[in-house]
Amino acid sequence: MNTIIYTIICALVIAFVLGVLLGLFKKIFHVNTDPKVEKVREVLSGANCGGCGLAGCDAFASAVVKGDAPSNGCVAGGPDCASKVANILGAAGIEVKPKIAFLACHGTKDCAADKGIYDGIQTCKGAQLVTNGTKKCAFGCIGLGDCVKVCPFGALFMGPDGLPVVNKTKCVGCGKCASVCPKHLFKLINADTKGAIALCSNHSDNKPQIKKDCSYGCIKCCICAKKCPKECIDLTSGIPQIDYSKCIKCGICVNSCPDKVLVLL
């Protein structure tokens, strides 16, 4: 009986000593944190998507309070979040234009020729490393869904044509899909963009090969640029680039393109 009592007393004494030591260590090694960090953290989206370019929401909250990140850096939170962060920091809000991801490729399984049967690791990154993709077009979407797997908002899914589809109502423009795509086919565009945009990323000027690899590939015929009444299409990069400050959304370029490379947003 005495042994049990002594054991209990010793355990209580040890627990008391450890508690005191922990309290002392907490005071000695305590690091003062800016209360604004916690306030900023509370108004963030909580998605930890990395769209801000940092490891997650905690890292962003700390960085924005220190001045190492912009108040509108939380793309998942959008304009409302940016306004709240700016108010916490006591700074004027920066205008935030919501963005969405756009796939610059329409090389479906029906129009883009495959190199053969790919039986390797079923990831776009794996196929890129092993065979430089699964399609004959070196610029075409591999279609194994790496982008779908990393999207933290469920805004991407694989369509029946073998290409990923963006759900515009769910996409917040975090850029995860763009960062993981080995072909760099995703663009982040303003959600309110209106005008023509190219569904192709083939920068080659080998017209016969382009047509052989994909029946919808841009052959650089320049018809779109020639017929544009506002001269707002530039082809110096090999792909039609639209100057949206000039574009009037007339659709002439879309209708004149022989390979249906351009679409209106």
C-alpha atoms as a PDB file:
ATOM      1  CA  MET A   1       0.000   0.000   0.000  1.00  0.00           C
ATOM      2  CA  ASN A   2       2.833   2.392   0.942  1.00  0.00           C
ATOM      3  CA  THR A   3       4.527   1.623  -2.379  1.00  0.00           C
ATOM      4  CA  ILE A   4       1.435   2.737  -4.282  1.00  0.00           C
ATOM      5  CA  ILE A   5       1.182   5.976  -2.281  1.00  0.00           C
ATOM      6  CA  TYR A   6       4.870   6.748  -2.801  1.00  0.00           C
ATOM      7  CA  THR A   7       4.512   6.074  -6.519  1.00  0.00           C
ATOM      8  CA  ILE A   8       1.561   8.453  -6.802  1.00  0.00           C
ATOM      9  CA  ILE A   9       3.404  11.166  -4.845  1.00  0.00           C
ATOM     10  CA  CYS A  10       6.511  10.785  -7.003  1.00  0.00           C
ATOM     11  CA  ALA A  11       4.412  10.966 -10.189  1.00  0.00           C
ATOM     12  CA  LEU A  12       2.710  14.144  -8.945  1.00  0.00           C
ATOM     13  CA  VAL A  13       6.041  15.728  -8.023  1.00  0.00           C
ATOM     14  CA  ILE A  14       7.534  14.849 -11.411  1.00  0.00           C
ATOM     15  CA  ALA A  15       4.458  16.208 -13.212  1.00  0.00           C
ATOM     16  CA  PHE A  16       4.665  19.431 -11.174  1.00  0.00           C
ATOM     17  CA  VAL A  17       8.373  19.869 -11.937  1.00  0.00           C
ATOM     18  CA  LEU A  18       7.849  19.201 -15.634  1.00  0.00           C
ATOM     19  CA  GLY A  19       4.967  21.667 -15.715  1.00  0.00           C
ATOM     20  CA  VAL A  20       7.120  24.359 -14.115  1.00  0.00           C
ATOM     21  CA  LEU A  21       9.964  23.656 -16.527  1.00  0.00           C
ATOM     22  CA  LEU A  22       7.638  23.789 -19.539  1.00  0.00           C
ATOM     23  CA  GLY A  23       6.270  27.100 -18.342  1.00  0.00           C
ATOM     24  CA  LEU A  24       9.787  28.490 -17.953  1.00  0.00           C
ATOM     25  CA  PHE A  25      10.843  27.218 -21.384  1.00  0.00           C
ATOM     26  CA  LYS A  26       7.744  28.794 -22.929  1.00  0.00           C
ATOM     27  CA  LYS A  27       8.652  32.172 -21.457  1.00  0.00           C
ATOM     28  CA  ILE A  28      12.344  31.888 -22.284  1.00  0.00           C
ATOM     29  CA  PHE A  29      11.843  30.800 -25.907  1.00  0.00           C
ATOM     30  CA  HIS A  30       8.660  32.744 -26.582  1.00  0.00           C
ATOM     31  CA  VAL A  31       8.641  34.538 -29.920  1.00  0.00           C
ATOM     32  CA  ASN A  32       6.430  37.592 -30.177  1.00  0.00           C
ATOM     33  CA  THR A  33       4.121  37.431 -33.181  1.00  0.00           C
ATOM     34  CA  ASP A  34       2.228  40.259 -34.767  1.00  0.00           C
ATOM     35  CA  PRO A  35      -1.476  39.892 -33.901  1.00  0.00           C
ATOM     36  CA  LYS A  36      -2.235  40.955 -37.467  1.00  0.00           C
ATOM     37  CA  VAL A  37      -0.906  37.616 -38.703  1.00  0.00           C
ATOM     38  CA  GLU A  38      -3.690  35.714 -36.971  1.00  0.00           C
ATOM     39  CA  LYS A  39      -6.284  38.215 -38.163  1.00  0.00           C
ATOM     40  CA  VAL A  40      -5.108  37.853 -41.754  1.00  0.00           C
ATOM     41  CA  ARG A  41      -5.070  34.079 -41.426  1.00  0.00           C
ATOM     42  CA  GLU A  42      -8.710  34.111 -40.328  1.00  0.00           C
ATOM     43  CA  VAL A  43      -9.924  35.928 -43.468  1.00  0.00           C
ATOM     44  CA  LEU A  44      -8.002  33.796 -45.956  1.00  0.00           C
ATOM     45  CA  SER A  45      -9.693  31.070 -47.967  1.00  0.00           C
ATOM     46  CA  GLY A  46      -8.005  28.271 -46.028  1.00  0.00           C
ATOM     47  CA  ALA A  47      -7.463  26.291 -49.216  1.00  0.00           C
ATOM     48  CA  ASN A  48      -3.674  26.069 -48.772  1.00  0.00           C
ATOM     49  CA  CYS A  49      -3.581  25.875 -52.561  1.00  0.00           C
ATOM     50  CA  GLY A  50      -0.238  27.636 -53.022  1.00  0.00           C
ATOM     51  CA  GLY A  51      -1.714  30.022 -55.556  1.00  0.00           C
ATOM     52  CA  CYS A  52      -0.034  32.887 -53.710  1.00  0.00           C
ATOM     53  CA  GLY A  53       3.356  31.344 -54.466  1.00  0.00           C
ATOM     54  CA  LEU A  54       3.971  30.363 -50.847  1.00  0.00           C
ATOM     55  CA  ALA A  55       3.692  27.111 -48.916  1.00  0.00           C
ATOM     56  CA  GLY A  56       0.172  27.788 -47.665  1.00  0.00           C
ATOM     57  CA  CYS A  57      -2.137  30.181 -45.865  1.00  0.00           C
ATOM     58  CA  ASP A  58       0.005  30.417 -42.715  1.00  0.00           C
ATOM     59  CA  ALA A  59       3.072  31.326 -44.747  1.00  0.00           C
ATOM     60  CA  PHE A  60       1.114  33.885 -46.756  1.00  0.00           C
ATOM     61  CA  ALA A  61      -0.373  35.522 -43.641  1.00  0.00           C
ATOM     62  CA  SER A  62       3.077  35.950 -42.147  1.00  0.00           C
ATOM     63  CA  ALA A  63       4.561  37.230 -45.412  1.00  0.00           C
ATOM     64  CA  VAL A  64       1.805  39.746 -46.129  1.00  0.00           C
ATOM     65  CA  VAL A  65       2.071  41.282 -42.661  1.00  0.00           C
ATOM     66  CA  LYS A  66       5.850  41.603 -43.080  1.00  0.00           C
ATOM     67  CA  GLY A  67       5.323  43.266 -46.447  1.00  0.00           C
ATOM     68  CA  ASP A  68       6.843  40.374 -48.389  1.00  0.00           C
ATOM     69  CA  ALA A  69       3.586  39.506 -50.182  1.00  0.00           C
ATOM     70  CA  PRO A  70       0.829  41.664 -51.723  1.00  0.00           C
ATOM     71  CA  SER A  71      -2.504  42.040 -49.945  1.00  0.00           C
ATOM     72  CA  ASN A  72      -4.250  40.652 -53.037  1.00  0.00           C
ATOM     73  CA  GLY A  73      -2.045  37.560 -53.161  1.00  0.00           C
ATOM     74  CA  CYS A  74      -4.741  35.103 -52.052  1.00  0.00           C
ATOM     75  CA  VAL A  75      -6.187  34.243 -55.446  1.00  0.00           C
ATOM     76  CA  ALA A  76      -8.544  31.684 -53.959  1.00  0.00           C
ATOM     77  CA  GLY A  77     -10.114  34.310 -51.719  1.00  0.00           C
ATOM     78  CA  GLY A  78     -10.663  36.785 -54.538  1.00  0.00           C
ATOM     79  CA  PRO A  79     -11.494  40.493 -54.257  1.00  0.00           C
ATOM     80  CA  ASP A  80     -13.421  40.168 -50.995  1.00  0.00           C
ATOM     81  CA  CYS A  81     -10.472  38.517 -49.250  1.00  0.00           C
ATOM     82  CA  ALA A  82      -8.032  41.080 -50.658  1.00  0.00           C
ATOM     83  CA  SER A  83     -10.199  43.914 -49.327  1.00  0.00           C
ATOM     84  CA  LYS A  84     -10.317  42.376 -45.840  1.00  0.00           C
ATOM     85  CA  VAL A  85      -6.553  41.830 -45.786  1.00  0.00           C
ATOM     86  CA  ALA A  86      -5.966  45.425 -46.883  1.00  0.00           C
ATOM     87  CA  ASN A  87      -8.243  46.692 -44.101  1.00  0.00           C
ATOM     88  CA  ILE A  88      -6.338  44.660 -41.503  1.00  0.00           C
ATOM     89  CA  LEU A  89      -3.060  46.099 -42.744  1.00  0.00           C
ATOM     90  CA  GLY A  90      -4.489  49.604 -42.821  1.00  0.00           C
ATOM     91  CA  ALA A  91      -3.641  49.968 -46.475  1.00  0.00           C
ATOM     92  CA  ALA A  92      -5.675  50.882 -49.500  1.00  0.00           C
ATOM     93  CA  GLY A  93      -6.976  47.818 -51.283  1.00  0.00           C
ATOM     94  CA  ILE A  94      -5.466  46.736 -54.572  1.00  0.00           C
ATOM     95  CA  GLU A  95      -7.899  45.897 -57.337  1.00  0.00           C
ATOM     96  CA  VAL A  96      -8.134  42.163 -57.844  1.00  0.00           C
ATOM     97  CA  LYS A  97      -9.356  40.719 -61.093  1.00  0.00           C
ATOM     98  CA  PRO A  98     -10.511  37.118 -60.667  1.00  0.00           C
ATOM     99  CA  LYS A  99      -8.715  34.712 -62.962  1.00  0.00           C
ATOM    100  CA  ILE A 100      -9.535  31.334 -64.421  1.00  0.00           C
ATOM    101  CA  ALA A 101      -7.461  28.650 -66.073  1.00  0.00           C
ATOM    102  CA  PHE A 102      -7.692  28.170 -69.835  1.00  0.00           C
ATOM    103  CA  LEU A 103      -6.354  25.154 -71.757  1.00  0.00           C
ATOM    104  CA  ALA A 104      -4.604  26.325 -74.925  1.00  0.00           C
ATOM    105  CA  CYS A 105      -5.061  23.067 -76.817  1.00  0.00           C
ATOM    106  CA  HIS A 106      -7.948  21.350 -78.577  1.00  0.00           C
ATOM    107  CA  GLY A 107      -6.017  18.327 -79.761  1.00  0.00           C
ATOM    108  CA  THR A 108      -8.691  15.779 -78.863  1.00  0.00           C
ATOM    109  CA  LYS A 109      -8.206  12.049 -79.373  1.00  0.00           C
ATOM    110  CA  ASP A 110     -10.192  12.374 -82.607  1.00  0.00           C
ATOM    111  CA  CYS A 111      -8.033  15.022 -84.263  1.00  0.00           C
ATOM    112  CA  ALA A 112      -4.564  14.664 -82.690  1.00  0.00           C
ATOM    113  CA  ALA A 113      -2.627  11.564 -83.706  1.00  0.00           C
ATOM    114  CA  ASP A 114      -1.046   9.382 -81.013  1.00  0.00           C
ATOM    115  CA  LYS A 115       2.520   8.174 -81.257  1.00  0.00           C
ATOM    116  CA  GLY A 116       1.368   4.704 -80.324  1.00  0.00           C
ATOM    117  CA  ILE A 117       0.088   2.861 -77.279  1.00  0.00           C
ATOM    118  CA  TYR A 118       1.611   4.332 -74.138  1.00  0.00           C
ATOM    119  CA  ASP A 119       1.949   1.718 -71.401  1.00  0.00           C
ATOM    120  CA  GLY A 120       4.173   3.572 -68.957  1.00  0.00           C
ATOM    121  CA  ILE A 121       3.471   5.445 -65.739  1.00  0.00           C
ATOM    122  CA  GLN A 122       0.009   6.954 -66.127  1.00  0.00           C
ATOM    123  CA  THR A 123       0.946  10.560 -65.437  1.00  0.00           C
ATOM    124  CA  CYS A 124       1.601  13.422 -67.824  1.00  0.00           C
ATOM    125  CA  LYS A 125       4.972  14.032 -66.186  1.00  0.00           C
ATOM    126  CA  GLY A 126       5.950  10.384 -66.613  1.00  0.00           C
ATOM    127  CA  ALA A 127       4.896  10.303 -70.256  1.00  0.00           C
ATOM    128  CA  GLN A 128       6.733  13.544 -70.914  1.00  0.00           C
ATOM    129  CA  LEU A 129       9.967  12.198 -69.424  1.00  0.00           C
ATOM    130  CA  VAL A 130       9.774   8.857 -71.233  1.00  0.00           C
ATOM    131  CA  THR A 131       8.369   9.696 -74.675  1.00  0.00           C
ATOM    132  CA  ASN A 132       8.009  13.497 -74.752  1.00  0.00           C
ATOM    133  CA  GLY A 133       4.260  13.020 -74.516  1.00  0.00           C
ATOM    134  CA  THR A 134       1.777  10.610 -76.033  1.00  0.00           C
ATOM    135  CA  LYS A 135       0.826  12.601 -79.135  1.00  0.00           C
ATOM    136  CA  LYS A 136       2.761  13.210 -82.330  1.00  0.00           C
ATOM    137  CA  CYS A 137       2.260  16.924 -81.751  1.00  0.00           C
ATOM    138  CA  ALA A 138       5.078  17.849 -79.382  1.00  0.00           C
ATOM    139  CA  PHE A 139       2.941  20.681 -78.030  1.00  0.00           C
ATOM    140  CA  GLY A 140      -0.275  18.715 -77.484  1.00  0.00           C
ATOM    141  CA  CYS A 141      -2.036  17.848 -74.240  1.00  0.00           C
ATOM    142  CA  ILE A 142      -0.909  14.438 -72.976  1.00  0.00           C
ATOM    143  CA  GLY A 143      -4.299  13.865 -71.380  1.00  0.00           C
ATOM    144  CA  LEU A 144      -3.387  11.771 -68.338  1.00  0.00           C
ATOM    145  CA  GLY A 145      -4.940  14.215 -65.896  1.00  0.00           C
ATOM    146  CA  ASP A 146      -2.097  15.499 -63.697  1.00  0.00           C
ATOM    147  CA  CYS A 147      -3.897  18.852 -63.676  1.00  0.00           C
ATOM    148  CA  VAL A 148      -7.138  17.255 -62.488  1.00  0.00           C
ATOM    149  CA  LYS A 149      -5.364  15.487 -59.633  1.00  0.00           C
ATOM    150  CA  VAL A 150      -3.751  18.640 -58.219  1.00  0.00           C
ATOM    151  CA  CYS A 151      -6.737  20.991 -58.489  1.00  0.00           C
ATOM    152  CA  PRO A 152      -7.732  21.753 -54.878  1.00  0.00           C
ATOM    153  CA  PHE A 153     -11.147  23.100 -55.873  1.00  0.00           C
ATOM    154  CA  GLY A 154     -12.483  20.290 -58.055  1.00  0.00           C
ATOM    155  CA  ALA A 155     -12.594  22.705 -60.983  1.00  0.00           C
ATOM    156  CA  LEU A 156     -11.094  20.288 -63.499  1.00  0.00           C
ATOM    157  CA  PHE A 157     -12.278  16.996 -64.918  1.00  0.00           C
ATOM    158  CA  MET A 158     -11.306  14.846 -67.883  1.00  0.00           C
ATOM    159  CA  GLY A 159     -13.728  15.150 -70.770  1.00  0.00           C
ATOM    160  CA  PRO A 160     -14.797  12.304 -73.064  1.00  0.00           C
ATOM    161  CA  ASP A 161     -12.551  13.703 -75.812  1.00  0.00           C
ATOM    162  CA  GLY A 162      -9.413  13.081 -73.731  1.00  0.00           C
ATOM    163  CA  LEU A 163      -8.815  16.685 -72.710  1.00  0.00           C
ATOM    164  CA  PRO A 164      -9.235  18.316 -69.283  1.00  0.00           C
ATOM    165  CA  VAL A 165     -12.245  20.605 -68.928  1.00  0.00           C
ATOM    166  CA  VAL A 166     -12.277  23.692 -66.712  1.00  0.00           C
ATOM    167  CA  ASN A 167     -15.386  24.344 -64.637  1.00  0.00           C
ATOM    168  CA  LYS A 168     -15.405  28.141 -64.726  1.00  0.00           C
ATOM    169  CA  THR A 169     -17.764  28.441 -61.768  1.00  0.00           C
ATOM    170  CA  LYS A 170     -15.336  26.569 -59.498  1.00  0.00           C
ATOM    171  CA  CYS A 171     -11.975  27.747 -60.849  1.00  0.00           C
ATOM    172  CA  VAL A 172     -10.299  30.489 -58.799  1.00  0.00           C
ATOM    173  CA  GLY A 173      -7.161  30.821 -60.893  1.00  0.00           C
ATOM    174  CA  CYS A 174      -4.794  29.379 -58.286  1.00  0.00           C
ATOM    175  CA  GLY A 175      -2.432  28.192 -61.033  1.00  0.00           C
ATOM    176  CA  LYS A 176      -1.884  24.661 -59.718  1.00  0.00           C
ATOM    177  CA  CYS A 177      -2.821  23.169 -63.085  1.00  0.00           C
ATOM    178  CA  ALA A 178      -0.485  25.548 -64.905  1.00  0.00           C
ATOM    179  CA  SER A 179       2.445  24.671 -62.660  1.00  0.00           C
ATOM    180  CA  VAL A 180       2.009  20.896 -63.006  1.00  0.00           C
ATOM    181  CA  CYS A 181       1.353  20.708 -66.766  1.00  0.00           C
ATOM    182  CA  PRO A 182       4.613  19.520 -68.425  1.00  0.00           C
ATOM    183  CA  LYS A 183       3.521  21.064 -71.737  1.00  0.00           C
ATOM    184  CA  HIS A 184       2.684  24.429 -70.125  1.00  0.00           C
ATOM    185  CA  LEU A 185      -0.716  24.476 -71.825  1.00  0.00           C
ATOM    186  CA  PHE A 186      -2.705  26.265 -69.141  1.00  0.00           C
ATOM    187  CA  LYS A 187      -2.973  30.041 -69.163  1.00  0.00           C
ATOM    188  CA  LEU A 188      -4.416  32.151 -66.370  1.00  0.00           C
ATOM    189  CA  ILE A 189      -6.692  34.750 -67.910  1.00  0.00           C
ATOM    190  CA  ASN A 190      -9.005  37.348 -66.412  1.00  0.00           C
ATOM    191  CA  ALA A 191     -12.368  35.748 -65.735  1.00  0.00           C
ATOM    192  CA  ASP A 192     -14.117  38.623 -67.500  1.00  0.00           C
ATOM    193  CA  THR A 193     -11.999  38.392 -70.655  1.00  0.00           C
ATOM    194  CA  LYS A 194     -14.107  38.853 -73.769  1.00  0.00           C
ATOM    195  CA  GLY A 195     -12.709  38.275 -77.219  1.00  0.00           C
ATOM    196  CA  ALA A 196     -10.902  35.682 -79.305  1.00  0.00           C
ATOM    197  CA  ILE A 197      -8.343  33.255 -77.932  1.00  0.00           C
ATOM    198  CA  ALA A 198      -6.289  30.484 -79.524  1.00  0.00           C
ATOM    199  CA  LEU A 199      -6.905  26.819 -78.742  1.00  0.00           C
ATOM    200  CA  CYS A 200      -3.428  25.800 -79.831  1.00  0.00           C
ATOM    201  CA  SER A 201       0.128  26.032 -78.491  1.00  0.00           C
ATOM    202  CA  ASN A 202       2.039  24.648 -81.479  1.00  0.00           C
ATOM    203  CA  HIS A 203       4.751  27.201 -82.223  1.00  0.00           C
ATOM    204  CA  SER A 204       6.261  25.209 -85.085  1.00  0.00           C
ATOM    205  CA  ASP A 205       6.201  26.702 -88.595  1.00  0.00           C
ATOM    206  CA  ASN A 206       6.283  23.308 -90.338  1.00  0.00           C
ATOM    207  CA  LYS A 207       2.792  23.452 -91.843  1.00  0.00           C
ATOM    208  CA  PRO A 208       2.690  19.949 -93.395  1.00  0.00           C
ATOM    209  CA  GLN A 209       3.822  18.381 -90.122  1.00  0.00           C
ATOM    210  CA  ILE A 210       1.339  20.413 -88.086  1.00  0.00           C
ATOM    211  CA  LYS A 211      -1.554  19.190 -90.251  1.00  0.00           C
ATOM    212  CA  LYS A 212      -0.257  15.621 -90.078  1.00  0.00           C
ATOM    213  CA  ASP A 213      -0.028  15.671 -86.278  1.00  0.00           C
ATOM    214  CA  CYS A 214      -3.295  17.491 -85.552  1.00  0.00           C
ATOM    215  CA  SER A 215      -6.104  18.424 -87.916  1.00  0.00           C
ATOM    216  CA  TYR A 216      -6.954  21.412 -85.692  1.00  0.00           C
ATOM    217  CA  GLY A 217      -3.401  22.724 -85.339  1.00  0.00           C
ATOM    218  CA  CYS A 218      -2.578  26.354 -86.156  1.00  0.00           C
ATOM    219  CA  ILE A 219      -0.743  26.418 -89.516  1.00  0.00           C
ATOM    220  CA  LYS A 220       0.221  30.103 -89.277  1.00  0.00           C
ATOM    221  CA  CYS A 221      -1.739  31.052 -92.368  1.00  0.00           C
ATOM    222  CA  CYS A 222      -2.225  34.540 -90.873  1.00  0.00           C
ATOM    223  CA  ILE A 223      -5.755  34.815 -92.261  1.00  0.00           C
ATOM    224  CA  CYS A 224      -7.054  35.817 -88.838  1.00  0.00           C
ATOM    225  CA  ALA A 225      -4.586  38.691 -88.554  1.00  0.00           C
ATOM    226  CA  LYS A 226      -5.215  39.853 -92.121  1.00  0.00           C
ATOM    227  CA  LYS A 227      -8.987  39.937 -91.705  1.00  0.00           C
ATOM    228  CA  CYS A 228      -9.078  41.510 -88.243  1.00  0.00           C
ATOM    229  CA  PRO A 229     -10.628  44.980 -88.702  1.00  0.00           C
ATOM    230  CA  LYS A 230      -8.828  46.320 -85.619  1.00  0.00           C
ATOM    231  CA  GLU A 231      -5.414  44.753 -86.369  1.00  0.00           C
ATOM    232  CA  CYS A 232      -5.294  43.375 -82.847  1.00  0.00           C
ATOM    233  CA  ILE A 233      -3.826  39.931 -83.634  1.00  0.00           C
ATOM    234  CA  ASP A 234      -0.088  39.343 -83.369  1.00  0.00           C
ATOM    235  CA  LEU A 235       1.530  36.167 -84.718  1.00  0.00           C
ATOM    236  CA  THR A 236       5.193  36.816 -83.955  1.00  0.00           C
ATOM    237  CA  SER A 237       5.220  34.051 -81.333  1.00  0.00           C
ATOM    238  CA  GLY A 238       3.735  31.561 -83.805  1.00  0.00           C
ATOM    239  CA  ILE A 239       0.338  31.541 -82.086  1.00  0.00           C
ATOM    240  CA  PRO A 240      -2.353  34.248 -82.439  1.00  0.00           C
ATOM    241  CA  GLN A 241      -2.068  36.660 -79.518  1.00  0.00           C
ATOM    242  CA  ILE A 242      -4.974  39.045 -79.021  1.00  0.00           C
ATOM    243  CA  ASP A 243      -4.716  42.624 -77.830  1.00  0.00           C
ATOM    244  CA  TYR A 244      -7.927  42.802 -75.813  1.00  0.00           C
ATOM    245  CA  SER A 245      -7.711  46.573 -75.531  1.00  0.00           C
ATOM    246  CA  LYS A 246      -8.419  46.683 -79.268  1.00  0.00           C
ATOM    247  CA  CYS A 247     -10.537  43.562 -79.779  1.00  0.00           C
ATOM    248  CA  ILE A 248     -14.233  44.322 -80.397  1.00  0.00           C
ATOM    249  CA  LYS A 249     -15.339  40.671 -80.202  1.00  0.00           C
ATOM    250  CA  CYS A 250     -16.606  40.752 -83.785  1.00  0.00           C
ATOM    251  CA  GLY A 251     -15.748  37.104 -84.409  1.00  0.00           C
ATOM    252  CA  ILE A 252     -14.348  37.669 -87.915  1.00  0.00           C
ATOM    253  CA  CYS A 253     -11.078  35.952 -87.004  1.00  0.00           C
ATOM    254  CA  VAL A 254     -12.933  32.995 -85.504  1.00  0.00           C
ATOM    255  CA  ASN A 255     -15.080  32.510 -88.595  1.00  0.00           C
ATOM    256  CA  SER A 256     -12.181  32.945 -91.012  1.00  0.00           C
ATOM    257  CA  CYS A 257      -9.806  30.457 -89.364  1.00  0.00           C
ATOM    258  CA  PRO A 258      -9.696  27.334 -91.581  1.00  0.00           C
ATOM    259  CA  ASP A 259      -8.736  25.061 -88.670  1.00  0.00           C
ATOM    260  CA  LYS A 260     -11.054  26.520 -86.024  1.00  0.00           C
ATOM    261  CA  VAL A 261      -8.121  27.432 -83.811  1.00  0.00           C
ATOM    262  CA  LEU A 262      -9.767  30.578 -82.472  1.00  0.00           C
ATOM    263  CA  VAL A 263     -12.838  30.765 -80.266  1.00  0.00           C
ATOM    264  CA  LEU A 264     -14.683  33.635 -78.652  1.00  0.00           C
ATOM    265  CA  LEU A 265     -14.726  33.872 -74.888  1.00  0.00           C
END
